[in-house]
C-alpha cells in the first residue's frame, strides 16, 4: 500500500544534489535584484512600467510584485521553503508573459516574441525545476527536513 506524503514532505523534501545551488543562485539573485530595482527605479521598471503595460493602480501592483520578488527571491537563494517560494514567482512570470509577451506575439509574430521571451522562458523553466526537485543538498530545506529511513 502506498503511503500518503505529508505536507512537510511535499514542501521541504529535496533531491540530494549539489548542482541545484546554481539554479537557486540564478533564480534567487535575478528575482531579488529585479524586486529591489522596482523600488530604486520606479519610473523605469516599477510603477512607470506597470502603467505603460496598462495595469490599473500601477503603483500598488509594482510594489506588490517587487515585494514578492524580494521575499521569494531571498527564500529561493537560501533554499528555504523553496517550493512554496517558487509558486508566486511562477505567477509573476505567467503575468509577465500575458501582459508583455503575448501582445508582442499577436502584433509582431512568433520570432519577435521568442526573442523578447528568452530570459522569461529560462526563468520559468528554472522555477519549474525548483518546484519539482526542491532546493538541493546545500539548502535550509535539506537541513530542516530529514526523511525517515523506514
N, C-alpha and C. Protein backbone atom coordinates (compact mmCIF):
# COMPACT_ATOMS: atom_id res chain seq x y z
N UNK A 1 0.85 -1.18 0.00
CA UNK A 1 0.00 0.00 0.00
C UNK A 1 0.89 1.24 0.00
N UNK A 2 0.55 2.19 -0.83
CA UNK A 2 1.32 3.41 -0.95
C UNK A 2 0.98 4.36 0.19
N UNK A 3 2.04 4.91 0.83
CA UNK A 3 1.82 5.86 1.92
C UNK A 3 1.55 7.24 1.36
N UNK A 4 0.71 7.98 2.08
CA UNK A 4 0.40 9.34 1.69
C UNK A 4 1.50 10.26 2.21
N UNK A 5 1.96 11.18 1.35
CA UNK A 5 3.00 12.11 1.74
C UNK A 5 2.42 13.21 2.61
N UNK A 6 3.18 13.59 3.63
CA UNK A 6 2.75 14.68 4.50
C UNK A 6 3.02 16.03 3.82
N UNK A 7 2.36 17.06 4.29
CA UNK A 7 2.57 18.41 3.76
C UNK A 7 4.04 18.80 3.95
N UNK A 8 4.61 18.46 5.08
CA UNK A 8 6.01 18.77 5.36
C UNK A 8 6.92 18.13 4.31
N UNK A 9 6.64 16.90 3.94
CA UNK A 9 7.42 16.21 2.93
C UNK A 9 7.26 16.88 1.57
N UNK A 10 6.04 17.21 1.22
CA UNK A 10 5.78 17.84 -0.08
C UNK A 10 6.52 19.17 -0.19
N UNK A 11 6.52 19.95 0.88
CA UNK A 11 7.12 21.29 0.85
C UNK A 11 8.64 21.24 0.98
N UNK A 12 9.16 20.42 1.89
CA UNK A 12 10.58 20.50 2.23
C UNK A 12 11.48 19.45 1.61
N UNK A 13 10.92 18.31 1.18
CA UNK A 13 11.78 17.27 0.61
C UNK A 13 12.53 17.82 -0.60
N UNK A 14 13.80 17.46 -0.68
CA UNK A 14 14.60 17.93 -1.80
C UNK A 14 15.54 16.83 -2.26
N UNK A 15 15.94 16.93 -3.51
CA UNK A 15 16.90 15.97 -4.03
C UNK A 15 18.25 16.19 -3.34
N UNK A 16 19.03 15.14 -3.26
CA UNK A 16 20.36 15.23 -2.64
C UNK A 16 21.37 15.57 -3.73
N UNK A 17 21.29 16.81 -4.22
CA UNK A 17 22.05 17.22 -5.40
C UNK A 17 22.76 18.53 -5.12
N UNK A 18 24.08 18.55 -5.30
CA UNK A 18 24.86 19.77 -5.07
C UNK A 18 24.66 20.79 -6.19
N UNK A 19 24.32 20.35 -7.37
CA UNK A 19 24.24 21.24 -8.53
C UNK A 19 23.06 22.20 -8.49
N UNK A 20 22.05 21.86 -7.72
CA UNK A 20 20.84 22.69 -7.66
C UNK A 20 21.16 24.08 -7.13
N UNK A 21 22.23 24.23 -6.40
CA UNK A 21 22.59 25.55 -5.88
C UNK A 21 22.80 26.56 -7.01
N UNK A 22 23.30 26.11 -8.16
CA UNK A 22 23.49 27.02 -9.29
C UNK A 22 22.15 27.56 -9.78
N UNK A 23 21.15 26.71 -9.84
CA UNK A 23 19.82 27.14 -10.26
C UNK A 23 19.24 28.11 -9.24
N UNK A 24 19.41 27.79 -7.96
CA UNK A 24 18.91 28.69 -6.91
C UNK A 24 19.61 30.04 -6.96
N UNK A 25 20.91 30.05 -7.21
CA UNK A 25 21.64 31.32 -7.31
C UNK A 25 21.11 32.17 -8.47
N UNK A 26 20.91 31.54 -9.61
CA UNK A 26 20.40 32.27 -10.77
C UNK A 26 19.02 32.85 -10.47
N UNK A 27 18.10 32.00 -10.07
CA UNK A 27 16.72 32.42 -9.85
C UNK A 27 16.64 33.42 -8.69
N UNK A 28 17.26 33.08 -7.58
CA UNK A 28 17.18 33.94 -6.40
C UNK A 28 17.77 35.31 -6.63
N UNK A 29 18.96 35.37 -7.20
CA UNK A 29 19.61 36.67 -7.40
C UNK A 29 18.89 37.53 -8.44
N UNK A 30 18.38 36.91 -9.50
CA UNK A 30 17.67 37.69 -10.51
C UNK A 30 16.38 38.27 -9.93
N UNK A 31 15.59 37.46 -9.24
CA UNK A 31 14.35 37.99 -8.68
C UNK A 31 14.63 39.00 -7.57
N UNK A 32 15.62 38.75 -6.73
CA UNK A 32 15.98 39.70 -5.68
C UNK A 32 16.37 41.04 -6.29
N UNK A 33 17.24 41.01 -7.29
CA UNK A 33 17.70 42.27 -7.89
C UNK A 33 16.57 42.98 -8.64
N UNK A 34 15.71 42.24 -9.32
CA UNK A 34 14.59 42.86 -10.04
C UNK A 34 13.61 43.51 -9.06
N UNK A 35 13.36 42.84 -7.94
CA UNK A 35 12.47 43.42 -6.93
C UNK A 35 13.04 44.69 -6.34
N UNK A 36 14.32 44.69 -6.03
CA UNK A 36 14.98 45.89 -5.48
C UNK A 36 14.94 47.03 -6.51
N UNK A 37 15.18 46.70 -7.77
CA UNK A 37 15.18 47.73 -8.81
C UNK A 37 13.80 48.38 -8.98
N UNK A 38 12.73 47.63 -8.74
CA UNK A 38 11.39 48.22 -8.83
C UNK A 38 11.22 49.32 -7.79
N UNK A 39 11.87 49.18 -6.63
CA UNK A 39 11.84 50.22 -5.61
C UNK A 39 12.82 51.35 -5.93
N UNK A 40 13.98 51.01 -6.44
CA UNK A 40 15.01 52.01 -6.71
C UNK A 40 14.72 52.86 -7.94
N UNK A 41 14.16 52.27 -8.97
CA UNK A 41 13.91 52.95 -10.24
C UNK A 41 12.44 52.77 -10.64
N UNK A 42 11.52 53.33 -9.86
CA UNK A 42 10.10 53.06 -10.10
C UNK A 42 9.60 53.50 -11.49
N UNK A 43 10.10 54.60 -12.01
CA UNK A 43 9.62 55.05 -13.31
C UNK A 43 10.10 54.16 -14.45
N UNK A 44 11.23 53.54 -14.27
CA UNK A 44 11.80 52.70 -15.33
C UNK A 44 11.26 51.27 -15.29
N UNK A 45 11.32 50.62 -14.12
CA UNK A 45 10.94 49.20 -14.04
C UNK A 45 9.83 48.92 -13.02
N UNK A 46 9.38 49.96 -12.31
CA UNK A 46 8.33 49.78 -11.32
C UNK A 46 7.01 50.35 -11.79
N UNK A 47 6.54 51.36 -11.08
CA UNK A 47 5.25 51.96 -11.37
C UNK A 47 5.12 52.42 -12.82
N UNK A 48 6.16 53.08 -13.34
CA UNK A 48 6.12 53.55 -14.72
C UNK A 48 5.93 52.43 -15.72
N UNK A 49 6.62 51.33 -15.50
CA UNK A 49 6.49 50.17 -16.41
C UNK A 49 5.11 49.56 -16.30
N UNK A 50 4.60 49.42 -15.09
CA UNK A 50 3.28 48.83 -14.89
C UNK A 50 2.19 49.73 -15.48
N UNK A 51 2.39 51.04 -15.40
CA UNK A 51 1.44 51.97 -16.02
C UNK A 51 1.47 51.84 -17.54
N UNK A 52 2.66 51.73 -18.11
CA UNK A 52 2.83 51.58 -19.56
C UNK A 52 2.16 50.29 -20.06
N UNK A 53 2.26 49.23 -19.27
CA UNK A 53 1.65 47.95 -19.64
C UNK A 53 0.13 48.04 -19.59
N UNK A 54 -0.39 48.91 -18.71
CA UNK A 54 -1.84 49.09 -18.64
C UNK A 54 -2.49 48.60 -17.37
N UNK A 55 -1.71 48.38 -16.32
CA UNK A 55 -2.27 47.94 -15.05
C UNK A 55 -3.09 49.07 -14.42
N UNK A 56 -4.26 48.72 -13.88
CA UNK A 56 -5.00 49.65 -13.04
C UNK A 56 -4.24 49.71 -11.70
N UNK A 57 -4.09 50.88 -11.15
CA UNK A 57 -3.32 51.10 -9.91
C UNK A 57 -1.90 50.54 -10.04
N UNK A 58 -1.13 51.08 -10.97
CA UNK A 58 0.21 50.55 -11.24
C UNK A 58 1.17 50.60 -10.05
N UNK A 59 1.04 51.61 -9.20
CA UNK A 59 1.93 51.71 -8.03
C UNK A 59 1.72 50.51 -7.11
N UNK A 60 0.46 50.19 -6.83
CA UNK A 60 0.17 49.05 -5.96
C UNK A 60 0.76 47.77 -6.53
N UNK A 61 0.49 47.50 -7.81
CA UNK A 61 0.93 46.25 -8.42
C UNK A 61 2.45 46.17 -8.57
N UNK A 62 3.08 47.29 -8.85
CA UNK A 62 4.54 47.29 -8.97
C UNK A 62 5.19 46.95 -7.64
N UNK A 63 4.72 47.60 -6.56
CA UNK A 63 5.32 47.34 -5.24
C UNK A 63 4.91 45.97 -4.70
N UNK A 64 3.70 45.53 -5.06
CA UNK A 64 3.25 44.18 -4.69
C UNK A 64 4.17 43.13 -5.32
N UNK A 65 4.39 43.27 -6.63
CA UNK A 65 5.28 42.32 -7.33
C UNK A 65 6.70 42.42 -6.80
N UNK A 66 7.18 43.64 -6.58
CA UNK A 66 8.54 43.84 -6.08
C UNK A 66 8.74 43.17 -4.73
N UNK A 67 7.77 43.31 -3.85
CA UNK A 67 7.87 42.71 -2.52
C UNK A 67 7.94 41.19 -2.62
N UNK A 68 7.10 40.60 -3.45
CA UNK A 68 7.14 39.15 -3.64
C UNK A 68 8.46 38.71 -4.27
N UNK A 69 8.97 39.49 -5.23
CA UNK A 69 10.25 39.15 -5.85
C UNK A 69 11.38 39.18 -4.84
N UNK A 70 11.38 40.15 -3.95
CA UNK A 70 12.44 40.26 -2.93
C UNK A 70 12.32 39.12 -1.92
N UNK A 71 11.13 38.92 -1.38
CA UNK A 71 10.95 37.88 -0.35
C UNK A 71 11.17 36.50 -0.93
N UNK A 72 10.48 36.18 -2.01
CA UNK A 72 10.59 34.84 -2.59
C UNK A 72 11.95 34.61 -3.23
N UNK A 73 12.54 35.63 -3.83
CA UNK A 73 13.89 35.51 -4.38
C UNK A 73 14.90 35.19 -3.28
N UNK A 74 14.74 35.84 -2.12
CA UNK A 74 15.63 35.57 -0.99
C UNK A 74 15.44 34.15 -0.46
N UNK A 75 14.19 33.72 -0.36
CA UNK A 75 13.91 32.35 0.10
C UNK A 75 14.54 31.32 -0.84
N UNK A 76 14.39 31.53 -2.13
CA UNK A 76 14.98 30.63 -3.12
C UNK A 76 16.51 30.66 -2.98
N UNK A 77 17.07 31.83 -2.85
CA UNK A 77 18.52 31.98 -2.73
C UNK A 77 19.07 31.16 -1.56
N UNK A 78 18.38 31.20 -0.43
CA UNK A 78 18.82 30.45 0.75
C UNK A 78 18.31 29.02 0.78
N UNK A 79 17.42 28.67 -0.13
CA UNK A 79 16.89 27.32 -0.15
C UNK A 79 15.96 27.06 1.01
N UNK A 80 15.16 28.05 1.36
CA UNK A 80 14.23 27.93 2.48
C UNK A 80 12.80 28.01 1.93
N UNK A 81 12.04 26.96 2.14
CA UNK A 81 10.67 26.88 1.62
C UNK A 81 10.66 27.14 0.11
N UNK A 82 11.60 26.53 -0.56
CA UNK A 82 11.85 26.80 -1.98
C UNK A 82 10.64 26.50 -2.86
N UNK A 83 10.00 25.38 -2.62
CA UNK A 83 8.83 25.05 -3.44
C UNK A 83 7.72 26.08 -3.26
N UNK A 84 7.46 26.48 -2.02
CA UNK A 84 6.42 27.49 -1.78
C UNK A 84 6.80 28.83 -2.40
N UNK A 85 8.06 29.21 -2.28
CA UNK A 85 8.52 30.49 -2.83
C UNK A 85 8.48 30.50 -4.36
N UNK A 86 8.59 29.34 -4.97
CA UNK A 86 8.56 29.26 -6.43
C UNK A 86 7.18 29.55 -7.01
N UNK A 87 6.15 29.28 -6.26
CA UNK A 87 4.79 29.43 -6.77
C UNK A 87 4.45 30.90 -7.09
N UNK A 88 4.63 31.85 -6.14
CA UNK A 88 4.34 33.24 -6.50
C UNK A 88 5.24 33.75 -7.63
N UNK A 89 6.47 33.27 -7.69
CA UNK A 89 7.37 33.70 -8.76
C UNK A 89 6.89 33.18 -10.11
N UNK A 90 6.34 31.97 -10.13
CA UNK A 90 5.74 31.45 -11.37
C UNK A 90 4.53 32.28 -11.79
N UNK A 91 3.74 32.70 -10.81
CA UNK A 91 2.58 33.56 -11.11
C UNK A 91 3.06 34.87 -11.72
N UNK A 92 4.13 35.44 -11.17
CA UNK A 92 4.71 36.67 -11.71
C UNK A 92 5.16 36.44 -13.15
N UNK A 93 5.80 35.30 -13.42
CA UNK A 93 6.27 35.01 -14.77
C UNK A 93 5.11 34.82 -15.74
N UNK A 94 4.04 34.16 -15.29
CA UNK A 94 2.87 33.98 -16.16
C UNK A 94 2.21 35.32 -16.45
N UNK A 95 2.14 36.18 -15.44
CA UNK A 95 1.56 37.51 -15.63
C UNK A 95 2.41 38.32 -16.60
N UNK A 96 3.72 38.22 -16.46
CA UNK A 96 4.63 38.93 -17.38
C UNK A 96 4.42 38.44 -18.81
N UNK A 97 4.23 37.15 -18.98
CA UNK A 97 4.00 36.61 -20.33
C UNK A 97 2.71 37.17 -20.92
N UNK A 98 1.64 37.09 -20.15
CA UNK A 98 0.33 37.52 -20.65
C UNK A 98 0.31 39.02 -20.94
N UNK A 99 0.94 39.82 -20.09
CA UNK A 99 0.84 41.27 -20.24
C UNK A 99 1.88 41.87 -21.18
N UNK A 100 3.01 41.20 -21.37
CA UNK A 100 4.06 41.80 -22.19
C UNK A 100 4.46 40.98 -23.41
N UNK A 101 4.47 39.68 -23.30
CA UNK A 101 4.95 38.86 -24.42
C UNK A 101 3.84 38.45 -25.36
N UNK A 102 2.67 38.15 -24.83
CA UNK A 102 1.55 37.76 -25.68
C UNK A 102 1.19 38.87 -26.67
N UNK A 103 1.13 40.14 -26.22
CA UNK A 103 0.86 41.21 -27.20
C UNK A 103 1.92 41.30 -28.30
N UNK A 104 3.17 41.02 -27.97
CA UNK A 104 4.21 41.01 -28.99
C UNK A 104 3.93 39.90 -30.01
N UNK A 105 3.54 38.74 -29.51
CA UNK A 105 3.21 37.62 -30.38
C UNK A 105 2.06 38.00 -31.32
N UNK A 106 1.02 38.61 -30.77
CA UNK A 106 -0.15 38.98 -31.57
C UNK A 106 0.22 40.05 -32.61
N UNK A 107 1.00 41.04 -32.21
CA UNK A 107 1.27 42.19 -33.08
C UNK A 107 2.49 42.02 -33.99
N UNK A 108 3.49 41.28 -33.53
CA UNK A 108 4.74 41.21 -34.30
C UNK A 108 5.13 39.80 -34.72
N UNK A 109 4.44 38.79 -34.20
CA UNK A 109 4.72 37.43 -34.60
C UNK A 109 5.57 36.64 -33.62
N UNK A 110 5.71 35.37 -33.97
CA UNK A 110 6.38 34.42 -33.07
C UNK A 110 7.84 34.77 -32.80
N UNK A 111 8.61 35.08 -33.84
CA UNK A 111 10.06 35.24 -33.66
C UNK A 111 10.40 36.47 -32.82
N UNK A 112 9.65 37.54 -32.99
CA UNK A 112 9.86 38.70 -32.13
C UNK A 112 9.53 38.36 -30.67
N UNK A 113 8.42 37.65 -30.48
CA UNK A 113 8.04 37.23 -29.13
C UNK A 113 9.09 36.29 -28.55
N UNK A 114 9.56 35.34 -29.33
CA UNK A 114 10.56 34.38 -28.85
C UNK A 114 11.83 35.10 -28.40
N UNK A 115 12.23 36.11 -29.15
CA UNK A 115 13.42 36.88 -28.78
C UNK A 115 13.20 37.62 -27.45
N UNK A 116 12.07 38.25 -27.30
CA UNK A 116 11.77 39.01 -26.08
C UNK A 116 11.53 38.09 -24.88
N UNK A 117 11.08 36.88 -25.13
CA UNK A 117 10.68 35.95 -24.06
C UNK A 117 11.83 35.07 -23.57
N UNK A 118 12.99 35.12 -24.19
CA UNK A 118 14.06 34.16 -23.90
C UNK A 118 14.43 34.10 -22.43
N UNK A 119 14.63 35.24 -21.77
CA UNK A 119 15.01 35.24 -20.36
C UNK A 119 13.85 34.76 -19.49
N UNK A 120 12.65 35.25 -19.77
CA UNK A 120 11.48 34.83 -19.01
C UNK A 120 11.25 33.32 -19.15
N UNK A 121 11.47 32.81 -20.36
CA UNK A 121 11.31 31.37 -20.61
C UNK A 121 12.30 30.57 -19.76
N UNK A 122 13.55 31.00 -19.74
CA UNK A 122 14.57 30.31 -18.95
C UNK A 122 14.23 30.36 -17.47
N UNK A 123 13.81 31.52 -16.99
CA UNK A 123 13.45 31.65 -15.57
C UNK A 123 12.25 30.78 -15.22
N UNK A 124 11.29 30.73 -16.10
CA UNK A 124 10.10 29.90 -15.86
C UNK A 124 10.49 28.43 -15.75
N UNK A 125 11.33 27.95 -16.66
CA UNK A 125 11.76 26.55 -16.60
C UNK A 125 12.58 26.26 -15.35
N UNK A 126 13.43 27.19 -14.94
CA UNK A 126 14.21 27.00 -13.72
C UNK A 126 13.31 26.97 -12.48
N UNK A 127 12.28 27.79 -12.48
CA UNK A 127 11.32 27.75 -11.37
C UNK A 127 10.56 26.42 -11.34
N UNK A 128 10.20 25.91 -12.51
CA UNK A 128 9.52 24.61 -12.57
C UNK A 128 10.46 23.52 -12.04
N UNK A 129 11.74 23.60 -12.38
CA UNK A 129 12.72 22.65 -11.86
C UNK A 129 12.73 22.69 -10.33
N UNK A 130 12.79 23.89 -9.76
CA UNK A 130 12.83 24.02 -8.30
C UNK A 130 11.53 23.51 -7.67
N UNK A 131 10.42 23.75 -8.32
CA UNK A 131 9.14 23.27 -7.82
C UNK A 131 9.10 21.74 -7.80
N UNK A 132 9.67 21.12 -8.80
CA UNK A 132 9.66 19.66 -8.88
C UNK A 132 10.71 19.03 -7.96
N UNK A 133 11.94 19.51 -8.01
CA UNK A 133 13.05 18.84 -7.33
C UNK A 133 13.45 19.45 -6.00
N UNK A 134 13.01 20.64 -5.69
CA UNK A 134 13.36 21.26 -4.43
C UNK A 134 14.69 21.99 -4.49
N UNK A 135 15.19 22.35 -3.32
CA UNK A 135 16.33 23.26 -3.20
C UNK A 135 17.70 22.60 -3.31
N UNK A 136 17.77 21.30 -3.19
CA UNK A 136 19.05 20.62 -3.27
C UNK A 136 19.74 20.46 -1.93
N UNK A 137 20.89 19.83 -1.97
CA UNK A 137 21.63 19.45 -0.76
C UNK A 137 22.08 20.65 0.06
N UNK A 138 22.55 21.70 -0.59
CA UNK A 138 23.06 22.87 0.12
C UNK A 138 21.95 23.89 0.31
N UNK A 139 21.00 23.56 1.16
CA UNK A 139 19.85 24.44 1.38
C UNK A 139 19.36 24.29 2.82
N UNK A 140 18.60 25.28 3.25
CA UNK A 140 17.97 25.18 4.56
C UNK A 140 16.89 24.11 4.56
N UNK A 141 16.21 23.93 3.43
CA UNK A 141 15.19 22.88 3.34
C UNK A 141 15.77 21.52 3.67
N UNK A 142 16.97 21.23 3.16
CA UNK A 142 17.58 19.92 3.40
C UNK A 142 18.03 19.77 4.85
N UNK A 143 18.31 20.88 5.52
CA UNK A 143 18.72 20.84 6.93
C UNK A 143 17.52 20.67 7.85
N UNK A 144 16.39 21.27 7.45
CA UNK A 144 15.18 21.22 8.26
C UNK A 144 14.53 19.85 8.17
N UNK A 145 14.44 19.32 6.96
CA UNK A 145 13.70 18.08 6.74
C UNK A 145 14.65 16.94 6.46
N UNK A 146 14.64 15.99 7.33
CA UNK A 146 15.41 14.75 7.15
C UNK A 146 14.41 13.61 7.02
N UNK A 147 14.28 13.03 5.83
CA UNK A 147 13.30 11.95 5.66
C UNK A 147 13.66 10.74 6.54
N UNK A 148 12.62 10.11 7.04
CA UNK A 148 12.84 8.90 7.86
C UNK A 148 13.34 7.78 6.97
N UNK A 149 14.11 6.91 7.53
CA UNK A 149 14.73 5.83 6.77
C UNK A 149 13.93 4.54 6.86
N UNK A 150 12.62 4.67 7.14
CA UNK A 150 11.79 3.47 7.25
C UNK A 150 11.18 3.11 5.94
